Each structure stands twice: as C-alpha cells, then as structure tokens.
Amino acid sequence: MDKFPLYYSKYRAKVLKFSRSKHATFGIPFLIFVVGGSFALKEFAKVRYEFTHVNPYELPAESRVGKVVKIDPQEEYKKMMSKIDIDNWENKRIPRPWEEDPKSSS
C-alpha cells in the first residue's frame, strides 16, 4: 500500500515541485540568514554598548574628589561678564598670509 492516501497525492506533487525550485533552495535560506543575522547583530550591539563605559578599576566621583562642587551657570556668567568689558574694544587687523608684512617692507 502507498504511504500517503490518494487525496494527498496532488499536494505531494506540488510540494516536491516547490522543494526543487530555486525559491526553496536559495531564496528561503537567504531570507532566514538575513533576518536571523539582523537579530543576532542586535544582540551583539546591545552587549557592546552595555559594557562600553564600564571600568572595574574606576572609583565613583564622590569618593575620588571628596567634596562635589556644584556650579551655577548664571553665577559663572555674571563673574565672566564682570571681568570682560564688551563696550570698549578695538578691531585689529592682522596681515593675511598672501599679503606682505608691513614691517619687512620698510
């Protein structure tokens, strides 16, 4: 007796024909490779970026410095602006590399 009943014979022929086609022998494995590779690369990249900044010998900032100084940007800006006079300035022109130096021509 045959392994398959009679109503499977028409499907069996189609499956055998498809399994011998180029789509089944080259296309499906290629797609599995591309899609599976993208998932694998995602996992490798996740591990890479997860452990990039980990240094087992580095101490936390509080234990290295002792006292952490917090800086207020507004206060630093006011300090810098009190040191700089932005109202009185003079524009000084420097000689370009292709121009003659005025000191050497005299």
PDB file of N, CA and C in Angstrom:
ATOM      1  N   MET A   1       0.839  -1.185   0.000  1.00  0.00           N
ATOM      2  CA  MET A   1       0.000   0.000   0.000  1.00  0.00           C
ATOM      3  C   MET A   1       0.881   1.243   0.000  1.00  0.00           C
ATOM      4  N   ASP A   2       0.360   2.302  -0.545  1.00  0.00           N
ATOM      5  CA  ASP A   2       1.078   3.571  -0.647  1.00  0.00           C
ATOM      6  C   ASP A   2       1.184   4.233   0.730  1.00  0.00           C
ATOM      7  N   LYS A   3       2.245   4.999   0.940  1.00  0.00           N
ATOM      8  CA  LYS A   3       2.436   5.683   2.215  1.00  0.00           C
ATOM      9  C   LYS A   3       1.379   6.747   2.459  1.00  0.00           C
ATOM     10  N   PHE A   4       0.987   7.442   1.414  1.00  0.00           N
ATOM     11  CA  PHE A   4       0.049   8.547   1.536  1.00  0.00           C
ATOM     12  C   PHE A   4      -1.297   8.146   0.951  1.00  0.00           C
ATOM     13  N   PRO A   5      -2.363   8.603   1.529  1.00  0.00           N
ATOM     14  CA  PRO A   5      -3.666   8.361   0.913  1.00  0.00           C
ATOM     15  C   PRO A   5      -3.772   9.086  -0.420  1.00  0.00           C
ATOM     16  N   LEU A   6      -4.736   8.758  -1.189  1.00  0.00           N
ATOM     17  CA  LEU A   6      -4.889   9.284  -2.539  1.00  0.00           C
ATOM     18  C   LEU A   6      -5.100  10.797  -2.564  1.00  0.00           C
ATOM     19  N   TYR A   7      -5.787  11.366  -1.617  1.00  0.00           N
ATOM     20  CA  TYR A   7      -6.057  12.810  -1.662  1.00  0.00           C
ATOM     21  C   TYR A   7      -4.819  13.639  -1.337  1.00  0.00           C
ATOM     22  N   TYR A   8      -3.751  12.999  -0.831  1.00  0.00           N
ATOM     23  CA  TYR A   8      -2.500  13.731  -0.609  1.00  0.00           C
ATOM     24  C   TYR A   8      -1.614  13.746  -1.849  1.00  0.00           C
ATOM     25  N   SER A   9      -1.927  12.975  -2.829  1.00  0.00           N
ATOM     26  CA  SER A   9      -1.024  12.850  -3.975  1.00  0.00           C
ATOM     27  C   SER A   9      -0.906  14.146  -4.765  1.00  0.00           C
ATOM     28  N   LYS A  10      -1.990  14.896  -4.905  1.00  0.00           N
ATOM     29  CA  LYS A  10      -1.889  16.160  -5.649  1.00  0.00           C
ATOM     30  C   LYS A  10      -1.080  17.198  -4.885  1.00  0.00           C
ATOM     31  N   TYR A  11      -1.148  17.190  -3.548  1.00  0.00           N
ATOM     32  CA  TYR A  11      -0.350  18.125  -2.745  1.00  0.00           C
ATOM     33  C   TYR A  11       1.111  17.702  -2.697  1.00  0.00           C
ATOM     34  N   ARG A  12       1.324  16.400  -2.710  1.00  0.00           N
ATOM     35  CA  ARG A  12       2.689  15.866  -2.672  1.00  0.00           C
ATOM     36  C   ARG A  12       3.457  16.291  -3.924  1.00  0.00           C
ATOM     37  N   ALA A  13       2.818  16.269  -5.049  1.00  0.00           N
ATOM     38  CA  ALA A  13       3.474  16.670  -6.292  1.00  0.00           C
ATOM     39  C   ALA A  13       3.829  18.152  -6.256  1.00  0.00           C
ATOM     40  N   LYS A  14       2.934  18.972  -5.716  1.00  0.00           N
ATOM     41  CA  LYS A  14       3.214  20.413  -5.626  1.00  0.00           C
ATOM     42  C   LYS A  14       4.353  20.701  -4.652  1.00  0.00           C
ATOM     43  N   VAL A  15       4.375  19.987  -3.527  1.00  0.00           N
ATOM     44  CA  VAL A  15       5.443  20.190  -2.543  1.00  0.00           C
ATOM     45  C   VAL A  15       6.780  19.757  -3.112  1.00  0.00           C
ATOM     46  N   LEU A  16       6.827  18.639  -3.830  1.00  0.00           N
ATOM     47  CA  LEU A  16       8.078  18.188  -4.451  1.00  0.00           C
ATOM     48  C   LEU A  16       8.553  19.172  -5.517  1.00  0.00           C
ATOM     49  N   LYS A  17       7.619  19.710  -6.294  1.00  0.00           N
ATOM     50  CA  LYS A  17       7.981  20.679  -7.325  1.00  0.00           C
ATOM     51  C   LYS A  17       8.532  21.961  -6.682  1.00  0.00           C
ATOM     52  N   PHE A  18       7.875  22.417  -5.609  1.00  0.00           N
ATOM     53  CA  PHE A  18       8.347  23.636  -4.937  1.00  0.00           C
ATOM     54  C   PHE A  18       9.699  23.404  -4.261  1.00  0.00           C
ATOM     55  N   SER A  19       9.922  22.241  -3.675  1.00  0.00           N
ATOM     56  CA  SER A  19      11.189  21.978  -2.972  1.00  0.00           C
ATOM     57  C   SER A  19      12.363  21.929  -3.929  1.00  0.00           C
ATOM     58  N   ARG A  20      12.104  21.663  -5.213  1.00  0.00           N
ATOM     59  CA  ARG A  20      13.184  21.632  -6.202  1.00  0.00           C
ATOM     60  C   ARG A  20      13.385  22.981  -6.896  1.00  0.00           C
ATOM     61  N   SER A  21      12.540  23.961  -6.584  1.00  0.00           N
ATOM     62  CA  SER A  21      12.656  25.253  -7.256  1.00  0.00           C
ATOM     63  C   SER A  21      13.771  26.085  -6.625  1.00  0.00           C
ATOM     64  N   LYS A  22      14.187  27.113  -7.343  1.00  0.00           N
ATOM     65  CA  LYS A  22      15.250  27.995  -6.848  1.00  0.00           C
ATOM     66  C   LYS A  22      14.794  28.787  -5.626  1.00  0.00           C
ATOM     67  N   HIS A  23      13.508  29.082  -5.547  1.00  0.00           N
ATOM     68  CA  HIS A  23      12.992  29.830  -4.396  1.00  0.00           C
ATOM     69  C   HIS A  23      13.199  29.049  -3.109  1.00  0.00           C
ATOM     70  N   ALA A  24      12.969  27.773  -3.145  1.00  0.00           N
ATOM     71  CA  ALA A  24      13.089  26.958  -1.934  1.00  0.00           C
ATOM     72  C   ALA A  24      14.546  26.656  -1.611  1.00  0.00           C
ATOM     73  N   THR A  25      15.382  26.466  -2.641  1.00  0.00           N
ATOM     74  CA  THR A  25      16.771  26.088  -2.364  1.00  0.00           C
ATOM     75  C   THR A  25      17.664  27.283  -2.042  1.00  0.00           C
ATOM     76  N   PHE A  26      17.370  28.444  -2.622  1.00  0.00           N
ATOM     77  CA  PHE A  26      18.236  29.601  -2.388  1.00  0.00           C
ATOM     78  C   PHE A  26      17.533  30.755  -1.680  1.00  0.00           C
ATOM     79  N   GLY A  27      16.293  31.042  -2.033  1.00  0.00           N
ATOM     80  CA  GLY A  27      15.598  32.215  -1.520  1.00  0.00           C
ATOM     81  C   GLY A  27      15.235  32.115  -0.052  1.00  0.00           C
ATOM     82  N   ILE A  28      14.629  31.024   0.346  1.00  0.00           N
ATOM     83  CA  ILE A  28      14.200  30.880   1.744  1.00  0.00           C
ATOM     84  C   ILE A  28      15.401  30.835   2.689  1.00  0.00           C
ATOM     85  N   PRO A  29      16.458  30.063   2.403  1.00  0.00           N
ATOM     86  CA  PRO A  29      17.632  30.121   3.301  1.00  0.00           C
ATOM     87  C   PRO A  29      18.277  31.509   3.365  1.00  0.00           C
ATOM     88  N   PHE A  30      18.279  32.217   2.238  1.00  0.00           N
ATOM     89  CA  PHE A  30      18.835  33.565   2.236  1.00  0.00           C
ATOM     90  C   PHE A  30      18.032  34.492   3.131  1.00  0.00           C
ATOM     91  N   LEU A  31      16.715  34.450   3.022  1.00  0.00           N
ATOM     92  CA  LEU A  31      15.876  35.291   3.870  1.00  0.00           C
ATOM     93  C   LEU A  31      16.034  34.931   5.339  1.00  0.00           C
ATOM     94  N   ILE A  32      16.126  33.653   5.651  1.00  0.00           N
ATOM     95  CA  ILE A  32      16.346  33.238   7.041  1.00  0.00           C
ATOM     96  C   ILE A  32      17.685  33.765   7.540  1.00  0.00           C
ATOM     97  N   PHE A  33      18.701  33.706   6.695  1.00  0.00           N
ATOM     98  CA  PHE A  33      20.028  34.200   7.068  1.00  0.00           C
ATOM     99  C   PHE A  33      20.011  35.707   7.320  1.00  0.00           C
ATOM    100  N   VAL A  34      19.355  36.473   6.452  1.00  0.00           N
ATOM    101  CA  VAL A  34      19.323  37.934   6.598  1.00  0.00           C
ATOM    102  C   VAL A  34      18.528  38.341   7.834  1.00  0.00           C
ATOM    103  N   VAL A  35      17.344  37.782   8.004  1.00  0.00           N
ATOM    104  CA  VAL A  35      16.507  38.161   9.141  1.00  0.00           C
ATOM    105  C   VAL A  35      17.132  37.669  10.446  1.00  0.00           C
ATOM    106  N   GLY A  36      17.622  36.450  10.467  1.00  0.00           N
ATOM    107  CA  GLY A  36      18.280  35.932  11.674  1.00  0.00           C
ATOM    108  C   GLY A  36      19.557  36.686  12.002  1.00  0.00           C
ATOM    109  N   GLY A  37      20.294  37.108  10.962  1.00  0.00           N
ATOM    110  CA  GLY A  37      21.512  37.884  11.179  1.00  0.00           C
ATOM    111  C   GLY A  37      21.238  39.236  11.789  1.00  0.00           C
ATOM    112  N   SER A  38      20.136  39.854  11.390  1.00  0.00           N
ATOM    113  CA  SER A  38      19.815  41.160  11.971  1.00  0.00           C
ATOM    114  C   SER A  38      19.485  41.017  13.457  1.00  0.00           C
ATOM    115  N   PHE A  39      18.786  39.963  13.826  1.00  0.00           N
ATOM    116  CA  PHE A  39      18.505  39.749  15.250  1.00  0.00           C
ATOM    117  C   PHE A  39      19.782  39.443  16.022  1.00  0.00           C
ATOM    118  N   ALA A  40      20.678  38.662  15.440  1.00  0.00           N
ATOM    119  CA  ALA A  40      21.938  38.342  16.113  1.00  0.00           C
ATOM    120  C   ALA A  40      22.799  39.589  16.275  1.00  0.00           C
ATOM    121  N   LEU A  41      22.886  40.423  15.241  1.00  0.00           N
ATOM    122  CA  LEU A  41      23.677  41.654  15.337  1.00  0.00           C
ATOM    123  C   LEU A  41      23.100  42.605  16.372  1.00  0.00           C
ATOM    124  N   LYS A  42      21.792  42.621  16.499  1.00  0.00           N
ATOM    125  CA  LYS A  42      21.166  43.475  17.512  1.00  0.00           C
ATOM    126  C   LYS A  42      21.603  43.052  18.909  1.00  0.00           C
ATOM    127  N   GLU A  43      21.683  41.758  19.145  1.00  0.00           N
ATOM    128  CA  GLU A  43      22.109  41.272  20.458  1.00  0.00           C
ATOM    129  C   GLU A  43      23.584  41.588  20.717  1.00  0.00           C
ATOM    130  N   PHE A  44      24.425  41.413  19.704  1.00  0.00           N
ATOM    131  CA  PHE A  44      25.849  41.728  19.876  1.00  0.00           C
ATOM    132  C   PHE A  44      26.061  43.218  20.126  1.00  0.00           C
ATOM    133  N   ALA A  45      25.334  44.052  19.401  1.00  0.00           N
ATOM    134  CA  ALA A  45      25.472  45.502  19.592  1.00  0.00           C
ATOM    135  C   ALA A  45      24.976  45.911  20.967  1.00  0.00           C
ATOM    136  N   LYS A  46      23.924  45.272  21.457  1.00  0.00           N
ATOM    137  CA  LYS A  46      23.400  45.611  22.775  1.00  0.00           C
ATOM    138  C   LYS A  46      24.439  45.301  23.845  1.00  0.00           C
ATOM    139  N   VAL A  47      25.107  44.170  23.730  1.00  0.00           N
ATOM    140  CA  VAL A  47      26.145  43.809  24.698  1.00  0.00           C
ATOM    141  C   VAL A  47      27.323  44.772  24.588  1.00  0.00           C
ATOM    142  N   ARG A  48      27.667  45.146  23.359  1.00  0.00           N
ATOM    143  CA  ARG A  48      28.794  46.059  23.158  1.00  0.00           C
ATOM    144  C   ARG A  48      28.550  47.396  23.825  1.00  0.00           C
ATOM    145  N   TYR A  49      27.371  47.988  23.606  1.00  0.00           N
ATOM    146  CA  TYR A  49      27.096  49.296  24.173  1.00  0.00           C
ATOM    147  C   TYR A  49      26.780  49.227  25.662  1.00  0.00           C
ATOM    148  N   GLU A  50      26.366  48.079  26.136  1.00  0.00           N
ATOM    149  CA  GLU A  50      26.066  47.936  27.558  1.00  0.00           C
ATOM    150  C   GLU A  50      27.340  47.963  28.402  1.00  0.00           C
ATOM    151  N   PHE A  51      28.417  47.389  27.890  1.00  0.00           N
ATOM    152  CA  PHE A  51      29.647  47.284  28.663  1.00  0.00           C
ATOM    153  C   PHE A  51      30.746  48.210  28.178  1.00  0.00           C
ATOM    154  N   THR A  52      30.433  49.182  27.321  1.00  0.00           N
ATOM    155  CA  THR A  52      31.460  50.083  26.806  1.00  0.00           C
ATOM    156  C   THR A  52      32.029  50.980  27.894  1.00  0.00           C
ATOM    157  N   HIS A  53      31.195  51.550  28.730  1.00  0.00           N
ATOM    158  CA  HIS A  53      31.631  52.547  29.693  1.00  0.00           C
ATOM    159  C   HIS A  53      31.898  51.952  31.072  1.00  0.00           C
ATOM    160  N   VAL A  54      31.979  50.658  31.182  1.00  0.00           N
ATOM    161  CA  VAL A  54      32.205  50.027  32.484  1.00  0.00           C
ATOM    162  C   VAL A  54      33.702  49.820  32.658  1.00  0.00           C
ATOM    163  N   ASN A  55      34.255  50.407  33.700  1.00  0.00           N
ATOM    164  CA  ASN A  55      35.662  50.214  34.041  1.00  0.00           C
ATOM    165  C   ASN A  55      35.705  49.720  35.474  1.00  0.00           C
ATOM    166  N   PRO A  56      36.129  48.480  35.718  1.00  0.00           N
ATOM    167  CA  PRO A  56      36.071  47.944  37.073  1.00  0.00           C
ATOM    168  C   PRO A  56      37.029  48.631  38.046  1.00  0.00           C
ATOM    169  N   TYR A  57      38.040  49.338  37.533  1.00  0.00           N
ATOM    170  CA  TYR A  57      39.035  49.965  38.404  1.00  0.00           C
ATOM    171  C   TYR A  57      38.722  51.421  38.703  1.00  0.00           C
ATOM    172  N   GLU A  58      37.669  51.952  38.124  1.00  0.00           N
ATOM    173  CA  GLU A  58      37.343  53.351  38.313  1.00  0.00           C
ATOM    174  C   GLU A  58      36.443  53.522  39.537  1.00  0.00           C
ATOM    175  N   LEU A  59      36.789  54.478  40.378  1.00  0.00           N
ATOM    176  CA  LEU A  59      36.010  54.756  41.577  1.00  0.00           C
ATOM    177  C   LEU A  59      34.900  55.756  41.267  1.00  0.00           C
ATOM    178  N   PRO A  60      33.849  55.775  42.045  1.00  0.00           N
ATOM    179  CA  PRO A  60      32.811  56.794  41.828  1.00  0.00           C
ATOM    180  C   PRO A  60      33.366  58.201  42.062  1.00  0.00           C
ATOM    181  N   ALA A  61      32.734  59.187  41.463  1.00  0.00           N
ATOM    182  CA  ALA A  61      33.227  60.564  41.524  1.00  0.00           C
ATOM    183  C   ALA A  61      33.258  61.095  42.945  1.00  0.00           C
ATOM    184  N   GLU A  62      32.301  60.721  43.779  1.00  0.00           N
ATOM    185  CA  GLU A  62      32.254  61.238  45.143  1.00  0.00           C
ATOM    186  C   GLU A  62      33.446  60.755  45.965  1.00  0.00           C
ATOM    187  N   SER A  63      33.878  59.528  45.763  1.00  0.00           N
ATOM    188  CA  SER A  63      34.998  59.014  46.550  1.00  0.00           C
ATOM    189  C   SER A  63      36.336  59.522  46.028  1.00  0.00           C
ATOM    190  N   ARG A  64      36.429  59.882  44.753  1.00  0.00           N
ATOM    191  CA  ARG A  64      37.683  60.405  44.217  1.00  0.00           C
ATOM    192  C   ARG A  64      37.914  61.839  44.647  1.00  0.00           C
ATOM    193  N   VAL A  65      36.929  62.686  44.510  1.00  0.00           N
ATOM    194  CA  VAL A  65      37.090  64.112  44.742  1.00  0.00           C
ATOM    195  C   VAL A  65      36.941  64.445  46.220  1.00  0.00           C
ATOM    196  N   GLY A  66      36.064  63.773  46.884  1.00  0.00           N
ATOM    197  CA  GLY A  66      35.804  64.083  48.286  1.00  0.00           C
ATOM    198  C   GLY A  66      34.581  64.949  48.390  1.00  0.00           C
ATOM    199  N   LYS A  67      34.677  66.181  47.953  1.00  0.00           N
ATOM    200  CA  LYS A  67      33.539  67.094  48.001  1.00  0.00           C
ATOM    201  C   LYS A  67      33.168  67.487  46.577  1.00  0.00           C
ATOM    202  N   VAL A  68      31.935  67.297  46.236  1.00  0.00           N
ATOM    203  CA  VAL A  68      31.465  67.629  44.893  1.00  0.00           C
ATOM    204  C   VAL A  68      31.010  69.076  44.905  1.00  0.00           C
ATOM    205  N   VAL A  69      31.562  69.874  43.985  1.00  0.00           N
ATOM    206  CA  VAL A  69      31.236  71.288  43.889  1.00  0.00           C
ATOM    207  C   VAL A  69      30.204  71.464  42.788  1.00  0.00           C
ATOM    208  N   LYS A  70      29.081  72.056  43.134  1.00  0.00           N
ATOM    209  CA  LYS A  70      28.043  72.316  42.138  1.00  0.00           C
ATOM    210  C   LYS A  70      28.200  73.757  41.659  1.00  0.00           C
ATOM    211  N   ILE A  71      28.159  73.921  40.342  1.00  0.00           N
ATOM    212  CA  ILE A  71      28.376  75.225  39.734  1.00  0.00           C
ATOM    213  C   ILE A  71      27.062  75.703  39.131  1.00  0.00           C
ATOM    214  N   ASP A  72      26.739  76.959  39.439  1.00  0.00           N
ATOM    215  CA  ASP A  72      25.538  77.579  38.878  1.00  0.00           C
ATOM    216  C   ASP A  72      25.934  78.328  37.606  1.00  0.00           C
ATOM    217  N   PRO A  73      25.369  77.991  36.471  1.00  0.00           N
ATOM    218  CA  PRO A  73      25.763  78.655  35.224  1.00  0.00           C
ATOM    219  C   PRO A  73      25.486  80.159  35.222  1.00  0.00           C
ATOM    220  N   GLN A  74      24.416  80.583  35.869  1.00  0.00           N
ATOM    221  CA  GLN A  74      24.106  82.010  35.903  1.00  0.00           C
ATOM    222  C   GLN A  74      25.168  82.787  36.677  1.00  0.00           C
ATOM    223  N   GLU A  75      25.616  82.229  37.787  1.00  0.00           N
ATOM    224  CA  GLU A  75      26.657  82.887  38.585  1.00  0.00           C
ATOM    225  C   GLU A  75      27.975  82.945  37.814  1.00  0.00           C
ATOM    226  N   GLU A  76      28.335  81.875  37.125  1.00  0.00           N
ATOM    227  CA  GLU A  76      29.569  81.866  36.344  1.00  0.00           C
ATOM    228  C   GLU A  76      29.501  82.891  35.210  1.00  0.00           C
ATOM    229  N   TYR A  77      28.342  83.015  34.595  1.00  0.00           N
ATOM    230  CA  TYR A  77      28.172  84.003  33.533  1.00  0.00           C
ATOM    231  C   TYR A  77      28.355  85.416  34.080  1.00  0.00           C
ATOM    232  N   LYS A  78      27.788  85.700  35.250  1.00  0.00           N
ATOM    233  CA  LYS A  78      27.923  87.033  35.848  1.00  0.00           C
ATOM    234  C   LYS A  78      29.378  87.325  36.203  1.00  0.00           C
ATOM    235  N   LYS A  79      30.103  86.322  36.709  1.00  0.00           N
ATOM    236  CA  LYS A  79      31.525  86.521  37.027  1.00  0.00           C
ATOM    237  C   LYS A  79      32.329  86.846  35.776  1.00  0.00           C
ATOM    238  N   MET A  80      32.084  86.103  34.694  1.00  0.00           N
ATOM    239  CA  MET A  80      32.830  86.338  33.463  1.00  0.00           C
ATOM    240  C   MET A  80      32.495  87.699  32.852  1.00  0.00           C
ATOM    241  N   MET A  81      31.239  88.094  32.912  1.00  0.00           N
ATOM    242  CA  MET A  81      30.846  89.375  32.349  1.00  0.00           C
ATOM    243  C   MET A  81      31.388  90.543  33.174  1.00  0.00           C
ATOM    244  N   SER A  82      31.615  90.368  34.458  1.00  0.00           N
ATOM    245  CA  SER A  82      32.195  91.442  35.258  1.00  0.00           C
ATOM    246  C   SER A  82      33.680  91.624  34.936  1.00  0.00           C
ATOM    247  N   LYS A  83      34.357  90.583  34.469  1.00  0.00           N
ATOM    248  CA  LYS A  83      35.775  90.678  34.126  1.00  0.00           C
ATOM    249  C   LYS A  83      35.991  91.255  32.725  1.00  0.00           C
ATOM    250  N   ILE A  84      35.028  91.091  31.839  1.00  0.00           N
ATOM    251  CA  ILE A  84      35.190  91.486  30.441  1.00  0.00           C
ATOM    252  C   ILE A  84      34.434  92.786  30.176  1.00  0.00           C
ATOM    253  N   ASP A  85      35.115  93.701  29.483  1.00  0.00           N
ATOM    254  CA  ASP A  85      34.479  94.952  29.073  1.00  0.00           C
ATOM    255  C   ASP A  85      34.101  94.821  27.598  1.00  0.00           C
ATOM    256  N   ILE A  86      32.826  94.602  27.321  1.00  0.00           N
ATOM    257  CA  ILE A  86      32.417  94.374  25.931  1.00  0.00           C
ATOM    258  C   ILE A  86      31.990  95.656  25.220  1.00  0.00           C
ATOM    259  N   ASP A  87      31.964  96.769  25.922  1.00  0.00           N
ATOM    260  CA  ASP A  87      31.555  98.021  25.298  1.00  0.00           C
ATOM    261  C   ASP A  87      32.730  98.753  24.653  1.00  0.00           C
ATOM    262  N   ASN A  88      33.924  98.622  25.179  1.00  0.00           N
ATOM    263  CA  ASN A  88      35.107  99.322  24.667  1.00  0.00           C
ATOM    264  C   ASN A  88      36.070  98.285  24.086  1.00  0.00           C
ATOM    265  N   TRP A  89      36.138  98.247  22.781  1.00  0.00           N
ATOM    266  CA  TRP A  89      37.034  97.325  22.119  1.00  0.00           C
ATOM    267  C   TRP A  89      37.547  97.951  20.839  1.00  0.00           C
ATOM    268  N   GLU A  90      38.614  97.381  20.326  1.00  0.00           N
ATOM    269  CA  GLU A  90      39.242  97.908  19.125  1.00  0.00           C
ATOM    270  C   GLU A  90      39.452  96.752  18.149  1.00  0.00           C
ATOM    271  N   ASN A  91      39.088  96.991  16.900  1.00  0.00           N
ATOM    272  CA  ASN A  91      39.262  95.977  15.870  1.00  0.00           C
ATOM    273  C   ASN A  91      40.684  96.067  15.330  1.00  0.00           C
ATOM    274  N   LYS A  92      41.479  95.007  15.458  1.00  0.00           N
ATOM    275  CA  LYS A  92      42.856  94.993  14.989  1.00  0.00           C
ATOM    276  C   LYS A  92      42.969  94.029  13.820  1.00  0.00           C
ATOM    277  N   ARG A  93      43.503  94.552  12.712  1.00  0.00           N
ATOM    278  CA  ARG A  93      43.642  93.730  11.521  1.00  0.00           C
ATOM    279  C   ARG A  93      45.018  93.102  11.500  1.00  0.00           C
ATOM    280  N   ILE A  94      45.063  91.832  11.231  1.00  0.00           N
ATOM    281  CA  ILE A  94      46.350  91.142  11.116  1.00  0.00           C
ATOM    282  C   ILE A  94      46.630  90.909   9.641  1.00  0.00           C
ATOM    283  N   PRO A  95      47.901  90.823   9.246  1.00  0.00           N
ATOM    284  CA  PRO A  95      48.200  90.602   7.831  1.00  0.00           C
ATOM    285  C   PRO A  95      47.834  89.177   7.410  1.00  0.00           C
ATOM    286  N   ARG A  96      47.321  89.075   6.209  1.00  0.00           N
ATOM    287  CA  ARG A  96      46.980  87.775   5.656  1.00  0.00           C
ATOM    288  C   ARG A  96      48.248  87.078   5.175  1.00  0.00           C
ATOM    289  N   PRO A  97      48.233  85.757   5.043  1.00  0.00           N
ATOM    290  CA  PRO A  97      49.450  85.065   4.606  1.00  0.00           C
ATOM    291  C   PRO A  97      49.926  85.486   3.228  1.00  0.00           C
ATOM    292  N   TRP A  98      49.025  85.901   2.336  1.00  0.00           N
ATOM    293  CA  TRP A  98      49.418  86.272   0.990  1.00  0.00           C
ATOM    294  C   TRP A  98      49.793  87.743   0.879  1.00  0.00           C
ATOM    295  N   GLU A  99      49.581  88.515   1.949  1.00  0.00           N
ATOM    296  CA  GLU A  99      49.951  89.924   1.930  1.00  0.00           C
ATOM    297  C   GLU A  99      51.369  90.088   2.468  1.00  0.00           C
ATOM    298  N   GLU A 100      51.986  91.185   2.060  1.00  0.00           N
ATOM    299  CA  GLU A 100      53.321  91.472   2.557  1.00  0.00           C
ATOM    300  C   GLU A 100      53.252  91.954   4.010  1.00  0.00           C
ATOM    301  N   ASP A 101      54.263  91.602   4.757  1.00  0.00           N
ATOM    302  CA  ASP A 101      54.334  92.053   6.126  1.00  0.00           C
ATOM    303  C   ASP A 101      54.760  93.535   6.123  1.00  0.00           C
ATOM    304  N   PRO A 102      53.974  94.435   6.765  1.00  0.00           N
ATOM    305  CA  PRO A 102      54.313  95.865   6.690  1.00  0.00           C
ATOM    306  C   PRO A 102      55.658  96.174   7.350  1.00  0.00           C
ATOM    307  N   LYS A 103      56.103  95.398   8.301  1.00  0.00           N
ATOM    308  CA  LYS A 103      57.388  95.654   8.959  1.00  0.00           C
ATOM    309  C   LYS A 103      58.557  95.318   8.050  1.00  0.00           C
ATOM    310  N   SER A 104      58.432  94.283   7.235  1.00  0.00           N
ATOM    311  CA  SER A 104      59.549  93.875   6.397  1.00  0.00           C
ATOM    312  C   SER A 104      59.717  94.766   5.170  1.00  0.00           C
ATOM    313  N   SER A 105      58.692  95.489   4.727  1.00  0.00           N
ATOM    314  CA  SER A 105      58.796  96.342   3.545  1.00  0.00           C
ATOM    315  C   SER A 105      59.466  97.685   3.867  1.00  0.00           C
ATOM    316  N   SER A 106      59.558  98.079   5.125  1.00  0.00           N
ATOM    317  CA  SER A 106      60.144  99.374   5.483  1.00  0.00           C
ATOM    318  C   SER A 106      61.620  99.348   5.460  1.00  0.00           C
TER     319      SER A 106
END
